[in-house]
Amino acid sequence: MLTTVHDPRVDVVVALSPTSRVWCNVGPGRDGSHHPYRSSWTWQGRPLPFVPMDDSWTSPEPDSGPVAIRSWYELSERTFAHLLPPAEIPVEAARADLLLIAGGNDAMWPSLPFAEQLAQRRRSARAAVRLIARDDAGHRPRLPGESPASASPRFQYGGTPEADALLGKAAWPHILDAFADGIPPVLTS
């Protein structure tokens, strides 16, 4: 999505479990350091404005199993609310058509609220957008022919194999259409 904002050669973007803003690094940078946080993205060699993570967050899950980190992102949004506007990905300025696919039960981050924010900004700019969503799907929608995602020993992704597959099945014809002819100029989800 960031590329399409800066490069008019991009015609179509299909975003699965998208974010509406630029986030910080979630691991060590090239220097091997985790902190200070830095932007995950640059444009023409300059870091883009970003939202850092609130290090006061603690996982509600026991230490032994996979962790849902969505609440970490939600806490970081509240803590750094003043940094949200400059970190927003300005999709309303993009020439490309935008197809958003998101699950409401995403345990990694709030991809459906992010997708709804992106869609609203596109609609406000009268730009093409389509949002395909399922409230019960998680972070990893499964497209037709894909097997269920294997469980992660570190992270919870939310959803169920059935809901993730249903979201992928619902999105698939729109993905094919997007790459065949571009997304029709539909301004509603």
Foldseek 3Di string as FASTA:
>chain_A
DLCLLVPQVAAEDEAALDAQFWAWDPAADPVRDPPPTFTPDDDPPHGAQHQYWDVVDDFPDDPQFATQCQVRVVVSCVVVVVSGVSGGRQCLNGNYAYEYFYELFFSNHRSVVRLVVNLVSNLVSLHHYHYQYYPQAWRAQDAPPDQFDDDDRYHDTGHDSVRSPVSNPVCVVVVVVCVPPRHPSDSYD
